[in-house]
Amino acid sequence: MLSLYFDRLRAVPWARPGPAMTTLLVLALLLFTSADVFAHAVTQGDKGYIQEISGVHLLPFTYLGAKHMMTGYDHILFLLGVIFFLYKLQHIAVYVSLFAIGHSTTMVLGVYYNIGMNSYLIDAVIGFSVVYKALDNLGAFQRWFGVQPNTKAATLIFGLIHGFGLATKIQEYEISPDGLVPNLLAFNVGVEVGQLLALAVILIGMSFWRRTAGFTRYAYSANVVMMSAGFILVGMQLTGYFVSQ
């Protein structure tokens, strides 16, 4: 049924960009023009502050977690892909919870056990998660392979991968071992708060868009743009990896 739906969507000409396409195109432009996103590293100001403090500092770490999620274009794009065709709040809650469980688990364990990964490579995989979700929304796997991957399992698995990306960023802060666990948990709370705020903005925008005729017209195009943004992320991170060698 989904493939037939997109067959009809592809028959519609791209007369002019819809609201979601415009948003995604602006996001893609930001990906090209932001050096911080290219490196996907923590800011020097945040890093310097964390290196100067020790002990338990719950509020600063909560703020940093929320800030990272709200400015993490890759995480937001993946969330957008996950909820793109979810209409019921209980379904959205299930998928968002799976994603949260995944990234919280690997984030905490990655930092606590000091599991190091190359930030460029893990971010390239995170960019690929955006590509994967867009292709899933487009019904590509059904069309190409005749099967539909388990969407809940994929969301959990990519949540685990996103968590390792978060762990890599936290390790860049070089947090003092004094108060590490409480601060780490506070950072995770901040990530969840940022995720909920980003999700709220996405849902509000999607709810308005779905009430217009433009949603049916441009849903396919929006996912193509989302997939392109994911490829941009992958390319930028791989370029960063090879340049840094």
Protein backbone atom coordinates (compact mmCIF):
# COMPACT_ATOMS: atom_id res chain seq x y z
CA MET A 1 0.00 0.00 0.00
CA LEU A 2 2.81 2.39 0.86
CA SER A 3 4.52 1.77 -2.48
CA LEU A 4 1.26 2.49 -4.34
CA TYR A 5 0.90 5.68 -2.34
CA PHE A 6 4.32 6.87 -3.45
CA ASP A 7 3.65 5.81 -7.03
CA ARG A 8 0.90 8.38 -7.04
CA LEU A 9 3.13 10.94 -5.32
CA ARG A 10 5.84 10.58 -7.93
CA ALA A 11 3.34 11.39 -10.63
CA VAL A 12 2.88 14.87 -9.16
CA PRO A 13 5.26 17.48 -10.66
CA TRP A 14 7.45 19.55 -8.36
CA ALA A 15 5.69 22.79 -9.21
CA ARG A 16 7.09 24.66 -6.24
CA PRO A 17 8.62 23.58 -2.94
CA GLY A 18 6.26 22.78 -0.08
CA PRO A 19 6.89 23.94 3.50
CA ALA A 20 8.73 20.79 4.58
CA MET A 21 10.92 20.85 1.47
CA THR A 22 11.79 24.48 2.13
CA THR A 23 12.73 23.67 5.74
CA LEU A 24 14.86 20.73 4.69
CA LEU A 25 16.60 22.74 1.98
CA VAL A 26 17.46 25.45 4.51
CA LEU A 27 18.77 22.74 6.81
CA ALA A 28 20.92 21.32 4.02
CA LEU A 29 22.31 24.81 3.39
CA LEU A 30 23.19 25.12 7.07
CA LEU A 31 25.01 21.80 6.89
CA PHE A 32 27.20 23.18 4.11
CA THR A 33 27.90 26.52 5.78
CA SER A 34 28.41 25.57 9.43
CA ALA A 35 31.96 24.67 10.39
CA ASP A 36 30.80 23.41 13.78
CA VAL A 37 28.47 20.92 12.13
CA PHE A 38 31.23 19.82 9.78
CA ALA A 39 33.51 19.00 12.69
CA HIS A 40 30.54 18.15 14.90
CA ALA A 41 32.70 18.98 17.89
CA VAL A 42 31.89 20.69 21.15
CA THR A 43 32.38 24.44 21.27
CA GLN A 44 35.59 25.74 22.80
CA GLY A 45 33.63 27.78 25.35
CA ASP A 46 31.69 24.77 26.61
CA LYS A 47 34.79 22.59 26.64
CA GLY A 48 36.83 25.17 28.53
CA TYR A 49 34.11 25.57 31.16
CA ILE A 50 33.78 21.83 31.73
CA GLN A 51 37.53 21.40 32.03
CA GLU A 52 37.67 24.06 34.73
CA ILE A 53 35.06 22.56 37.04
CA SER A 54 34.89 19.40 39.11
CA GLY A 55 32.29 17.82 41.32
CA VAL A 56 28.56 17.60 40.75
CA HIS A 57 27.09 20.30 38.48
CA LEU A 58 23.66 19.08 37.43
CA LEU A 59 22.20 22.19 35.82
CA PRO A 60 25.17 23.00 33.55
CA PHE A 61 25.31 19.43 32.28
CA THR A 62 21.54 19.34 31.77
CA TYR A 63 21.86 22.53 29.72
CA LEU A 64 24.72 21.09 27.67
CA GLY A 65 22.74 17.93 26.93
CA ALA A 66 19.69 19.89 25.79
CA LYS A 67 21.88 22.24 23.73
CA HIS A 68 23.60 19.36 21.97
CA MET A 69 20.31 17.71 21.02
CA MET A 70 18.64 20.95 19.91
CA THR A 71 21.61 21.85 17.68
CA GLY A 72 22.27 18.30 16.49
CA TYR A 73 20.94 18.41 12.93
CA ASP A 74 21.55 14.70 12.41
CA HIS A 75 19.51 13.71 15.48
CA ILE A 76 16.67 16.07 14.54
CA LEU A 77 16.60 14.82 10.94
CA PHE A 78 16.40 11.23 12.12
CA LEU A 79 13.56 12.08 14.52
CA LEU A 80 11.74 13.83 11.70
CA GLY A 81 12.08 10.72 9.57
CA VAL A 82 10.87 8.48 12.38
CA ILE A 83 7.65 10.39 13.04
CA PHE A 84 7.00 11.51 9.45
CA PHE A 85 4.16 9.04 8.86
CA LEU A 86 3.14 8.48 12.48
CA TYR A 87 -0.20 10.06 13.31
CA LYS A 88 -1.15 8.61 16.70
CA LEU A 89 0.56 9.86 19.83
CA GLN A 90 0.87 6.35 21.26
CA HIS A 91 2.78 5.24 18.16
CA ILE A 92 5.03 8.29 18.33
CA ALA A 93 5.66 7.60 22.03
CA VAL A 94 6.71 4.00 21.29
CA TYR A 95 9.23 4.94 18.60
CA VAL A 96 10.64 7.93 20.46
CA SER A 97 10.99 5.79 23.59
CA LEU A 98 12.89 3.12 21.65
CA PHE A 99 15.22 5.78 20.28
CA ALA A 100 15.70 7.27 23.75
CA ILE A 101 16.42 3.87 25.33
CA GLY A 102 18.98 3.16 22.63
CA HIS A 103 20.94 6.39 22.77
CA SER A 104 20.76 6.67 26.58
CA THR A 105 22.19 3.16 27.02
CA THR A 106 25.21 3.54 24.76
CA MET A 107 25.84 7.13 25.80
CA VAL A 108 26.12 6.26 29.49
CA LEU A 109 28.04 3.02 28.96
CA GLY A 110 30.32 4.57 26.34
CA VAL A 111 31.43 7.38 28.63
CA TYR A 112 31.55 5.32 31.84
CA TYR A 113 33.71 2.61 30.27
CA ASN A 114 35.61 5.10 28.11
CA ILE A 115 34.72 3.40 24.84
CA GLY A 116 36.37 5.63 22.26
CA MET A 117 35.34 6.01 18.63
CA ASN A 118 36.41 8.32 15.86
CA SER A 119 33.88 11.16 15.93
CA TYR A 120 33.89 11.58 12.15
CA LEU A 121 33.18 7.91 11.47
CA ILE A 122 30.41 7.55 14.04
CA ASP A 123 28.81 10.76 12.75
CA ALA A 124 28.99 9.38 9.21
CA VAL A 125 27.03 6.34 10.39
CA ILE A 126 24.54 8.66 12.09
CA GLY A 127 24.19 10.52 8.79
CA PHE A 128 23.54 7.16 7.12
CA SER A 129 20.72 6.56 9.63
CA VAL A 130 18.98 9.61 8.15
CA VAL A 131 19.42 8.16 4.65
CA TYR A 132 18.09 4.80 5.82
CA LYS A 133 14.99 6.30 7.42
CA ALA A 134 14.20 8.43 4.38
CA LEU A 135 14.51 5.36 2.12
CA ASP A 136 12.27 3.45 4.50
CA ASN A 137 9.68 6.23 4.34
CA LEU A 138 9.89 6.10 0.54
CA GLY A 139 9.11 2.38 0.53
CA ALA A 140 12.45 1.67 -1.14
CA PHE A 141 13.17 -1.58 0.70
CA GLN A 142 9.82 -3.06 -0.25
CA ARG A 143 10.38 -2.04 -3.85
CA TRP A 144 14.00 -3.17 -4.12
CA PHE A 145 14.05 -6.28 -1.95
CA GLY A 146 10.40 -7.19 -1.45
CA VAL A 147 10.71 -6.97 2.35
CA GLN A 148 9.96 -4.39 4.99
CA PRO A 149 12.60 -4.13 7.73
CA ASN A 150 11.32 -4.05 11.30
CA THR A 151 10.93 -0.32 11.91
CA LYS A 152 10.94 -0.62 15.70
CA ALA A 153 14.16 -2.67 15.70
CA ALA A 154 15.79 -0.22 13.27
CA THR A 155 14.85 2.72 15.49
CA LEU A 156 16.36 1.02 18.54
CA ILE A 157 19.55 0.01 16.69
CA PHE A 158 20.09 3.47 15.28
CA GLY A 159 19.34 4.87 18.74
CA LEU A 160 22.26 2.80 20.05
CA ILE A 161 24.48 4.23 17.31
CA HIS A 162 23.36 7.80 18.02
CA GLY A 163 24.19 7.15 21.68
CA PHE A 164 27.78 6.27 20.80
CA GLY A 165 27.94 9.55 18.89
CA LEU A 166 26.78 11.38 22.01
CA ALA A 167 29.33 9.48 24.11
CA THR A 168 32.08 10.58 21.75
CA LYS A 169 31.04 14.23 22.16
CA ILE A 170 30.93 13.93 25.96
CA GLN A 171 34.42 12.45 25.99
CA GLU A 172 35.61 15.53 24.11
CA TYR A 173 34.55 17.61 27.13
CA GLU A 174 37.18 15.77 29.19
CA ILE A 175 34.88 15.69 32.21
CA SER A 176 36.44 15.38 35.65
CA PRO A 177 35.95 11.91 37.18
CA ASP A 178 34.75 13.69 40.33
CA GLY A 179 30.97 13.63 40.03
CA LEU A 180 31.09 11.87 36.67
CA VAL A 181 28.00 9.67 37.09
CA PRO A 182 25.61 12.40 38.37
CA ASN A 183 26.87 14.81 35.72
CA LEU A 184 26.52 12.17 33.03
CA LEU A 185 22.96 11.40 34.09
CA ALA A 186 22.19 15.13 34.10
CA PHE A 187 23.56 15.41 30.57
CA ASN A 188 21.29 12.54 29.55
CA VAL A 189 18.29 14.28 31.12
CA GLY A 190 19.20 17.36 29.12
CA VAL A 191 19.37 15.30 25.95
CA GLU A 192 15.88 13.97 26.63
CA VAL A 193 14.57 17.47 27.34
CA GLY A 194 16.12 18.74 24.11
CA GLN A 195 14.69 15.80 22.23
CA LEU A 196 11.20 16.49 23.56
CA LEU A 197 11.48 20.18 22.68
CA ALA A 198 12.67 19.37 19.15
CA LEU A 199 9.94 16.76 18.81
CA ALA A 200 7.30 19.24 19.94
CA VAL A 201 8.38 21.73 17.27
CA ILE A 202 8.40 18.99 14.62
CA LEU A 203 4.96 17.70 15.61
CA ILE A 204 3.44 21.18 15.62
CA GLY A 205 4.81 21.86 12.15
CA MET A 206 3.77 18.44 10.86
CA SER A 207 0.25 18.75 12.29
CA PHE A 208 -0.32 21.99 10.38
CA TRP A 209 1.27 20.64 7.20
CA ARG A 210 -0.78 17.44 7.24
CA ARG A 211 -3.98 19.48 7.17
CA THR A 212 -3.05 20.97 3.83
CA ALA A 213 -3.18 19.46 0.35
CA GLY A 214 0.55 20.07 0.13
CA PHE A 215 1.34 17.16 2.43
CA THR A 216 0.19 14.53 -0.06
CA ARG A 217 1.81 16.48 -2.87
CA TYR A 218 5.22 16.96 -1.30
CA ALA A 219 5.67 14.09 1.19
CA TYR A 220 7.70 12.10 -1.33
CA SER A 221 9.79 15.14 -2.27
CA ALA A 222 10.43 16.00 1.38
CA ASN A 223 11.82 12.54 2.05
CA VAL A 224 14.04 12.79 -1.02
CA VAL A 225 15.42 16.05 0.34
CA MET A 226 15.85 14.44 3.76
CA MET A 227 17.76 11.57 2.16
CA SER A 228 19.96 14.07 0.31
CA ALA A 229 20.69 15.89 3.58
CA GLY A 230 21.71 12.54 5.08
CA PHE A 231 24.11 11.92 2.21
CA ILE A 232 25.51 15.42 2.75
CA LEU A 233 26.16 14.56 6.40
CA VAL A 234 27.85 11.31 5.45
CA GLY A 235 30.02 13.02 2.84
CA MET A 236 31.03 15.86 5.13
CA GLN A 237 32.01 13.55 7.97
CA LEU A 238 33.97 11.20 5.73
CA THR A 239 35.73 14.20 4.21
CA GLY A 240 36.55 15.43 7.69
CA TYR A 241 37.92 12.02 8.60
CA PHE A 242 40.28 11.84 5.64
CA VAL A 243 41.37 15.47 5.98
CA SER A 244 42.20 14.94 9.65
CA GLN A 245 44.47 11.96 8.95
